[in-house]
C-alpha atoms as a PDB file:
ATOM      1  CA  MET A   1      -1.156   7.297 -11.715  1.00  0.00           C
ATOM      2  CA  ILE A   2      -1.647   4.347  -9.391  1.00  0.00           C
ATOM      3  CA  ASP A   3      -2.001   4.456  -5.608  1.00  0.00           C
ATOM      4  CA  LEU A   4      -2.311   1.213  -3.665  1.00  0.00           C
ATOM      5  CA  HIS A   5      -2.710   2.585  -0.137  1.00  0.00           C
ATOM      6  CA  MET A   6      -5.855   4.664   0.434  1.00  0.00           C
ATOM      7  CA  HIS A   7      -8.357   4.880   3.297  1.00  0.00           C
ATOM      8  CA  THR A   8     -12.086   5.587   3.439  1.00  0.00           C
ATOM      9  CA  PHE A   9     -14.488   6.265   6.271  1.00  0.00           C
ATOM     10  CA  HIS A  10     -14.675   2.493   6.773  1.00  0.00           C
ATOM     11  CA  SER A  11     -11.623   3.069   8.974  1.00  0.00           C
ATOM     12  CA  ASP A  12     -10.127   6.507   9.685  1.00  0.00           C
ATOM     13  CA  GLY A  13     -10.454   8.183   6.299  1.00  0.00           C
ATOM     14  CA  GLU A  14     -12.776  11.109   5.639  1.00  0.00           C
ATOM     15  CA  LEU A  15     -14.366  10.014   2.354  1.00  0.00           C
ATOM     16  CA  ILE A  16     -16.860   7.375   1.309  1.00  0.00           C
ATOM     17  CA  PRO A  17     -15.426   5.080  -1.392  1.00  0.00           C
ATOM     18  CA  ALA A  18     -17.404   6.715  -4.204  1.00  0.00           C
ATOM     19  CA  GLU A  19     -16.071  10.192  -3.439  1.00  0.00           C
ATOM     20  CA  LEU A  20     -12.527   8.923  -3.014  1.00  0.00           C
ATOM     21  CA  VAL A  21     -12.674   7.263  -6.427  1.00  0.00           C
ATOM     22  CA  GLN A  22     -14.240  10.300  -8.074  1.00  0.00           C
ATOM     23  CA  ARG A  23     -11.596  12.619  -6.649  1.00  0.00           C
ATOM     24  CA  ALA A  24      -8.856  10.216  -7.724  1.00  0.00           C
ATOM     25  CA  LYS A  25     -10.315  10.076 -11.223  1.00  0.00           C
ATOM     26  CA  ALA A  26     -10.364  13.872 -11.410  1.00  0.00           C
ATOM     27  CA  ALA A  27      -6.702  13.916 -10.320  1.00  0.00           C
ATOM     28  CA  GLY A  28      -5.735  11.632 -13.207  1.00  0.00           C
ATOM     29  CA  TYR A  29      -5.537   8.241 -11.524  1.00  0.00           C
ATOM     30  CA  GLN A  30      -5.867   5.019 -13.519  1.00  0.00           C
ATOM     31  CA  ALA A  31      -6.030   2.628 -10.560  1.00  0.00           C
ATOM     32  CA  LEU A  32      -6.208   2.605  -6.782  1.00  0.00           C
ATOM     33  CA  ALA A  33      -6.702   0.245  -3.862  1.00  0.00           C
ATOM     34  CA  LEU A  34      -9.089   0.641  -0.929  1.00  0.00           C
ATOM     35  CA  THR A  35      -6.962  -0.423   2.034  1.00  0.00           C
ATOM     36  CA  ASP A  36      -8.729   0.404   5.270  1.00  0.00           C
ATOM     37  CA  HIS A  37      -7.146  -0.484   8.604  1.00  0.00           C
ATOM     38  CA  VAL A  38      -7.822  -3.974   9.925  1.00  0.00           C
ATOM     39  CA  ASP A  39      -6.879  -6.448  12.603  1.00  0.00           C
ATOM     40  CA  ALA A  40      -8.471  -9.776  13.532  1.00  0.00           C
ATOM     41  CA  SER A  41     -11.577  -8.032  14.883  1.00  0.00           C
ATOM     42  CA  ASN A  42     -12.767  -6.373  11.651  1.00  0.00           C
ATOM     43  CA  LEU A  43     -10.948  -8.059   8.770  1.00  0.00           C
ATOM     44  CA  GLU A  44     -13.959  -9.871   7.331  1.00  0.00           C
ATOM     45  CA  GLU A  45     -16.240  -6.829   7.498  1.00  0.00           C
ATOM     46  CA  VAL A  46     -13.745  -4.423   5.920  1.00  0.00           C
ATOM     47  CA  VAL A  47     -12.720  -6.756   3.101  1.00  0.00           C
ATOM     48  CA  SER A  48     -16.359  -7.531   2.323  1.00  0.00           C
ATOM     49  CA  ARG A  49     -17.172  -3.809   2.105  1.00  0.00           C
ATOM     50  CA  ALA A  50     -14.109  -3.159  -0.040  1.00  0.00           C
ATOM     51  CA  LEU A  51     -15.058  -5.942  -2.451  1.00  0.00           C
ATOM     52  CA  ARG A  52     -18.565  -4.561  -2.933  1.00  0.00           C
ATOM     53  CA  ALA A  53     -17.294  -1.016  -3.410  1.00  0.00           C
ATOM     54  CA  ALA A  54     -14.447  -2.005  -5.727  1.00  0.00           C
ATOM     55  CA  SER A  55     -16.688  -4.008  -8.032  1.00  0.00           C
ATOM     56  CA  ALA A  56     -19.327  -1.277  -8.356  1.00  0.00           C
ATOM     57  CA  LEU A  57     -16.853   1.592  -8.676  1.00  0.00           C
ATOM     58  CA  THR A  58     -14.640  -0.115 -11.247  1.00  0.00           C
ATOM     59  CA  GLU A  59     -17.715  -0.511 -13.420  1.00  0.00           C
ATOM     60  CA  SER A  60     -19.048   3.004 -12.925  1.00  0.00           C
ATOM     61  CA  SER A  61     -15.813   5.032 -12.904  1.00  0.00           C
ATOM     62  CA  GLY A  62     -13.663   3.391 -15.547  1.00  0.00           C
ATOM     63  CA  LEU A  63     -10.797   3.209 -13.027  1.00  0.00           C
ATOM     64  CA  LEU A  64      -9.413  -0.067 -11.753  1.00  0.00           C
ATOM     65  CA  VAL A  65     -10.472  -0.126  -8.107  1.00  0.00           C
ATOM     66  CA  LEU A  66      -8.934  -2.935  -6.066  1.00  0.00           C
ATOM     67  CA  ALA A  67     -10.268  -4.301  -2.798  1.00  0.00           C
ATOM     68  CA  GLY A  68      -7.634  -4.402  -0.114  1.00  0.00           C
ATOM     69  CA  ALA A  69      -6.825  -4.007   3.551  1.00  0.00           C
ATOM     70  CA  GLU A  70      -4.005  -2.663   5.715  1.00  0.00           C
ATOM     71  CA  LEU A  71      -3.063  -4.792   8.715  1.00  0.00           C
ATOM     72  CA  THR A  72      -2.306  -2.190  11.364  1.00  0.00           C
ATOM     73  CA  HIS A  73      -0.561  -2.520  14.755  1.00  0.00           C
ATOM     74  CA  VAL A  74      -1.198  -6.269  14.658  1.00  0.00           C
ATOM     75  CA  PRO A  75       0.990  -8.499  16.878  1.00  0.00           C
ATOM     76  CA  PRO A  76       3.695  -9.833  14.555  1.00  0.00           C
ATOM     77  CA  ALA A  77       2.895 -13.482  15.287  1.00  0.00           C
ATOM     78  CA  GLN A  78      -0.595 -12.930  13.849  1.00  0.00           C
ATOM     79  CA  ILE A  79       0.460 -11.161  10.666  1.00  0.00           C
ATOM     80  CA  PRO A  80       1.205 -14.098   8.313  1.00  0.00           C
ATOM     81  CA  GLY A  81      -2.071 -15.804   9.211  1.00  0.00           C
ATOM     82  CA  LEU A  82      -4.086 -12.626   8.733  1.00  0.00           C
ATOM     83  CA  ILE A  83      -2.436 -11.979   5.362  1.00  0.00           C
ATOM     84  CA  ALA A  84      -3.508 -15.458   4.280  1.00  0.00           C
ATOM     85  CA  ARG A  85      -6.997 -14.936   5.673  1.00  0.00           C
ATOM     86  CA  ALA A  86      -7.372 -11.610   3.871  1.00  0.00           C
ATOM     87  CA  ARG A  87      -6.538 -13.324   0.594  1.00  0.00           C
ATOM     88  CA  GLN A  88      -9.025 -16.105   1.314  1.00  0.00           C
ATOM     89  CA  LEU A  89     -11.698 -13.444   1.821  1.00  0.00           C
ATOM     90  CA  GLY A  90     -10.891 -11.957  -1.583  1.00  0.00           C
ATOM     91  CA  ALA A  91      -8.548  -9.063  -0.780  1.00  0.00           C
ATOM     92  CA  GLU A  92      -6.620  -8.176  -3.928  1.00  0.00           C
ATOM     93  CA  ILE A  93      -3.991  -5.983  -2.258  1.00  0.00           C
ATOM     94  CA  VAL A  94      -2.747  -6.706   1.260  1.00  0.00           C
ATOM     95  CA  VAL A  95      -0.740  -3.928   2.889  1.00  0.00           C
ATOM     96  CA  VAL A  96       0.952  -4.142   6.283  1.00  0.00           C
ATOM     97  CA  HIS A  97       1.482  -0.995   8.370  1.00  0.00           C
ATOM     98  CA  GLY A  98       5.248  -1.060   8.804  1.00  0.00           C
ATOM     99  CA  GLU A  99       7.533   0.111  11.591  1.00  0.00           C
ATOM    100  CA  THR A 100       7.156   3.832  10.938  1.00  0.00           C
ATOM    101  CA  PRO A 101       9.357   6.045  13.152  1.00  0.00           C
ATOM    102  CA  VAL A 102       6.364   8.018  14.440  1.00  0.00           C
ATOM    103  CA  GLU A 103       4.138   5.260  15.883  1.00  0.00           C
ATOM    104  CA  PRO A 104       4.713   2.465  18.425  1.00  0.00           C
ATOM    105  CA  VAL A 105       4.396  -0.370  15.902  1.00  0.00           C
ATOM    106  CA  PRO A 106       5.487  -3.692  17.449  1.00  0.00           C
ATOM    107  CA  GLU A 107       9.069  -4.667  16.728  1.00  0.00           C
ATOM    108  CA  GLY A 108       9.158  -7.558  14.292  1.00  0.00           C
ATOM    109  CA  THR A 109       6.261  -6.246  12.207  1.00  0.00           C
ATOM    110  CA  ASN A 110       8.406  -5.597   9.132  1.00  0.00           C
ATOM    111  CA  ARG A 111       9.865  -9.098   9.103  1.00  0.00           C
ATOM    112  CA  ALA A 112       6.505 -10.752   9.767  1.00  0.00           C
ATOM    113  CA  ALA A 113       4.898  -8.840   6.889  1.00  0.00           C
ATOM    114  CA  ILE A 114       7.688  -9.814   4.526  1.00  0.00           C
ATOM    115  CA  ALA A 115       7.736 -13.445   5.670  1.00  0.00           C
ATOM    116  CA  GLY A 116       3.964 -13.563   5.234  1.00  0.00           C
ATOM    117  CA  ARG A 117       4.297 -12.218   1.665  1.00  0.00           C
ATOM    118  CA  ALA A 118       2.167  -9.107   1.948  1.00  0.00           C
ATOM    119  CA  ASP A 119       1.900  -7.213  -1.318  1.00  0.00           C
ATOM    120  CA  ILE A 120       3.220  -3.976   0.176  1.00  0.00           C
ATOM    121  CA  LEU A 121       5.075  -3.140   3.379  1.00  0.00           C
ATOM    122  CA  ALA A 122       3.980   0.426   4.057  1.00  0.00           C
ATOM    123  CA  HIS A 123       6.303   3.068   5.504  1.00  0.00           C
ATOM    124  CA  PRO A 124       8.748   0.490   6.941  1.00  0.00           C
ATOM    125  CA  GLY A 125      10.865   2.994   8.836  1.00  0.00           C
ATOM    126  CA  LEU A 126      14.409   1.866   9.657  1.00  0.00           C
ATOM    127  CA  LEU A 127      14.204  -1.222   7.490  1.00  0.00           C
ATOM    128  CA  THR A 128      17.261  -3.474   7.726  1.00  0.00           C
ATOM    129  CA  PRO A 129      19.266  -4.705   4.735  1.00  0.00           C
ATOM    130  CA  ALA A 130      18.365  -8.296   5.662  1.00  0.00           C
ATOM    131  CA  GLU A 131      14.658  -7.398   5.598  1.00  0.00           C
ATOM    132  CA  ALA A 132      15.048  -5.733   2.208  1.00  0.00           C
ATOM    133  CA  ARG A 133      16.804  -8.794   0.783  1.00  0.00           C
ATOM    134  CA  LEU A 134      13.992 -11.009   2.092  1.00  0.00           C
ATOM    135  CA  ALA A 135      11.433  -8.635   0.553  1.00  0.00           C
ATOM    136  CA  LYS A 136      13.202  -9.063  -2.786  1.00  0.00           C
ATOM    137  CA  ARG A 137      13.068 -12.868  -2.505  1.00  0.00           C
ATOM    138  CA  ASN A 138       9.421 -12.887  -1.406  1.00  0.00           C
ATOM    139  CA  GLY A 139       8.179 -10.357  -3.944  1.00  0.00           C
ATOM    140  CA  VAL A 140       7.111  -7.773  -1.360  1.00  0.00           C
ATOM    141  CA  ALA A 141       7.123  -4.141  -2.522  1.00  0.00           C
ATOM    142  CA  LEU A 142       8.397  -1.455  -0.153  1.00  0.00           C
ATOM    143  CA  GLU A 143       6.600   1.858   0.131  1.00  0.00           C
ATOM    144  CA  LEU A 144       7.820   5.411  -0.146  1.00  0.00           C
ATOM    145  CA  THR A 145       5.123   7.668   1.241  1.00  0.00           C
ATOM    146  CA  SER A 146       4.074  11.284   1.048  1.00  0.00           C
ATOM    147  CA  ARG A 147       2.330  11.089   4.428  1.00  0.00           C
ATOM    148  CA  GLY A 148       3.770  13.369   7.091  1.00  0.00           C
ATOM    149  CA  GLY A 149       5.813  11.650   9.778  1.00  0.00           C
ATOM    150  CA  HIS A 150       5.842   8.299   7.999  1.00  0.00           C
ATOM    151  CA  SER A 151       7.911   9.927   5.245  1.00  0.00           C
ATOM    152  CA  LEU A 152      10.813  10.715   7.595  1.00  0.00           C
ATOM    153  CA  ALA A 153      12.514   7.439   6.690  1.00  0.00           C
ATOM    154  CA  ASN A 154      11.920   7.599   2.924  1.00  0.00           C
ATOM    155  CA  GLY A 155      15.579   8.251   2.150  1.00  0.00           C
ATOM    156  CA  HIS A 156      16.707   5.308   4.264  1.00  0.00           C
ATOM    157  CA  VAL A 157      14.079   3.008   2.742  1.00  0.00           C
ATOM    158  CA  ALA A 158      15.041   4.038  -0.783  1.00  0.00           C
ATOM    159  CA  ARG A 159      18.729   3.440  -0.161  1.00  0.00           C
ATOM    160  CA  VAL A 160      18.301   0.027   1.470  1.00  0.00           C
ATOM    161  CA  ALA A 161      15.683  -1.105  -1.050  1.00  0.00           C
ATOM    162  CA  THR A 162      17.709  -0.128  -4.113  1.00  0.00           C
ATOM    163  CA  GLN A 163      20.804  -1.844  -2.737  1.00  0.00           C
ATOM    164  CA  ALA A 164      18.722  -5.030  -2.414  1.00  0.00           C
ATOM    165  CA  GLU A 165      17.091  -4.443  -5.824  1.00  0.00           C
ATOM    166  CA  CYS A 166      13.713  -4.565  -4.127  1.00  0.00           C
ATOM    167  CA  ALA A 167      10.609  -3.111  -5.789  1.00  0.00           C
ATOM    168  CA  LEU A 168       9.565   0.334  -4.570  1.00  0.00           C
ATOM    169  CA  VAL A 169       6.159   1.974  -4.904  1.00  0.00           C
ATOM    170  CA  VAL A 170       5.005   5.470  -3.999  1.00  0.00           C
ATOM    171  CA  ASN A 171       1.682   5.678  -2.147  1.00  0.00           C
ATOM    172  CA  SER A 172      -0.225   8.530  -0.560  1.00  0.00           C
ATOM    173  CA  ASP A 173      -1.709   6.745   2.475  1.00  0.00           C
ATOM    174  CA  THR A 174      -4.679   8.992   1.736  1.00  0.00           C
ATOM    175  CA  HIS A 175      -6.997   9.826   4.629  1.00  0.00           C
ATOM    176  CA  SER A 176      -8.457  13.073   3.270  1.00  0.00           C
ATOM    177  CA  PRO A 177      -8.912  14.847  -0.081  1.00  0.00           C
ATOM    178  CA  ARG A 178      -5.750  16.913   0.361  1.00  0.00           C
ATOM    179  CA  ASN A 179      -3.633  13.724   0.486  1.00  0.00           C
ATOM    180  CA  ILE A 180      -4.503  12.574  -3.047  1.00  0.00           C
ATOM    181  CA  HIS A 181      -1.440  12.610  -5.258  1.00  0.00           C
ATOM    182  CA  SER A 182      -0.566  14.620  -8.304  1.00  0.00           C
ATOM    183  CA  LEU A 183       2.157  13.414 -10.635  1.00  0.00           C
ATOM    184  CA  ASP A 184       4.291  16.279  -9.343  1.00  0.00           C
ATOM    185  CA  MET A 185       3.934  14.983  -5.788  1.00  0.00           C
ATOM    186  CA  ILE A 186       5.072  11.523  -6.858  1.00  0.00           C
ATOM    187  CA  ARG A 187       8.076  13.148  -8.497  1.00  0.00           C
ATOM    188  CA  LYS A 188       8.869  15.076  -5.314  1.00  0.00           C
ATOM    189  CA  VAL A 189       8.638  11.934  -3.172  1.00  0.00           C
ATOM    190  CA  VAL A 190      11.006  10.086  -5.522  1.00  0.00           C
ATOM    191  CA  LEU A 191      13.549  12.898  -5.781  1.00  0.00           C
ATOM    192  CA  GLY A 192      13.232  13.753  -2.091  1.00  0.00           C
ATOM    193  CA  ALA A 193      14.135  10.166  -1.222  1.00  0.00           C
ATOM    194  CA  GLY A 194      17.392  10.621  -3.130  1.00  0.00           C
ATOM    195  CA  LEU A 195      16.422   8.605  -6.195  1.00  0.00           C
ATOM    196  CA  ALA A 196      17.031   9.481  -9.843  1.00  0.00           C
ATOM    197  CA  SER A 197      14.211  10.937 -11.920  1.00  0.00           C
ATOM    198  CA  ALA A 198      13.892   7.621 -13.796  1.00  0.00           C
ATOM    199  CA  TYR A 199      12.296   6.194 -10.654  1.00  0.00           C
ATOM    200  CA  VAL A 200       9.194   8.341 -11.196  1.00  0.00           C
ATOM    201  CA  GLU A 201       8.184   5.930 -13.944  1.00  0.00           C
ATOM    202  CA  LYS A 202       9.739   2.909 -12.209  1.00  0.00           C
ATOM    203  CA  VAL A 203       7.574   3.187  -9.096  1.00  0.00           C
ATOM    204  CA  GLN A 204       4.458   3.425 -11.240  1.00  0.00           C
ATOM    205  CA  SER A 205       5.610   0.461 -13.315  1.00  0.00           C
ATOM    206  CA  ASN A 206       6.015  -1.544 -10.107  1.00  0.00           C
ATOM    207  CA  ALA A 207       2.472  -0.558  -9.103  1.00  0.00           C
ATOM    208  CA  ARG A 208       1.166  -1.723 -12.479  1.00  0.00           C
ATOM    209  CA  VAL A 209       2.796  -5.105 -11.883  1.00  0.00           C
ATOM    210  CA  LEU A 210       0.987  -5.372  -8.535  1.00  0.00           C
ATOM    211  CA  CYS A 211      -2.316  -4.473 -10.201  1.00  0.00           C
ATOM    212  CA  ALA A 212      -1.818  -7.134 -12.853  1.00  0.00           C
ATOM    213  CA  LYS A 213      -0.953  -9.706 -10.191  1.00  0.00           C
ATOM    214  CA  ALA A 214      -4.075  -8.772  -8.216  1.00  0.00           C
ATOM    215  CA  ARG A 215      -6.304  -9.111 -11.276  1.00  0.00           C
ATOM    216  CA  LYS A 216      -4.745 -12.464 -12.199  1.00  0.00           C
ATOM    217  CA  GLN A 217      -5.290 -13.856  -8.709  1.00  0.00           C
ATOM    218  CA  ASN A 218      -8.855 -12.576  -8.652  1.00  0.00           C
ATOM    219  CA  ASN A 219      -9.666 -14.288 -11.953  1.00  0.00           C
ATOM    220  CA  LYS A 220      -8.444 -17.728 -10.898  1.00  0.00           C
END
């Protein structure tokens, strides 16, 4: 299993990175990304911490641990620049907190994230077909989530994304131990979004592609 949207106590998660990785390993994970919440005020600090943790924990755990960040409630005009800055700092996975139906995320966030070529647009809510087509062109993966509230739009996201032939991933948006996925939970998210069972493997395959891309960029 691969999960590219997980939080630690470096933002609003409950676990230190080492415990998160150990629990993920026990659950059967092969790879994960540390993607704590950031804006312009804490981007450098969070990415630096994630890089240190990811390097040490990849070596000690045998899992691939990627250093990332989730741009959260950022004014849309700032998003492309902060995506670029995160990459300059070494972030291997850049997630943007999309226009979930349960939070007052600024309108225009989805489009700004896609235009800025984030790796993943998380829980994008009532994503438009035009945004999905742009995500396809720009290589941005769209997230189906198991997180309560954010998951309300999973069916809509799945429908619009598949019509645009856009890559989908399933992430947990983990904040606590009980959020960590099992393979059965991934299956439920996929089927609950109205997708065929073949997508259980497809979403993980898409995540593997993102991991390979992250590793390639990091080794340049």
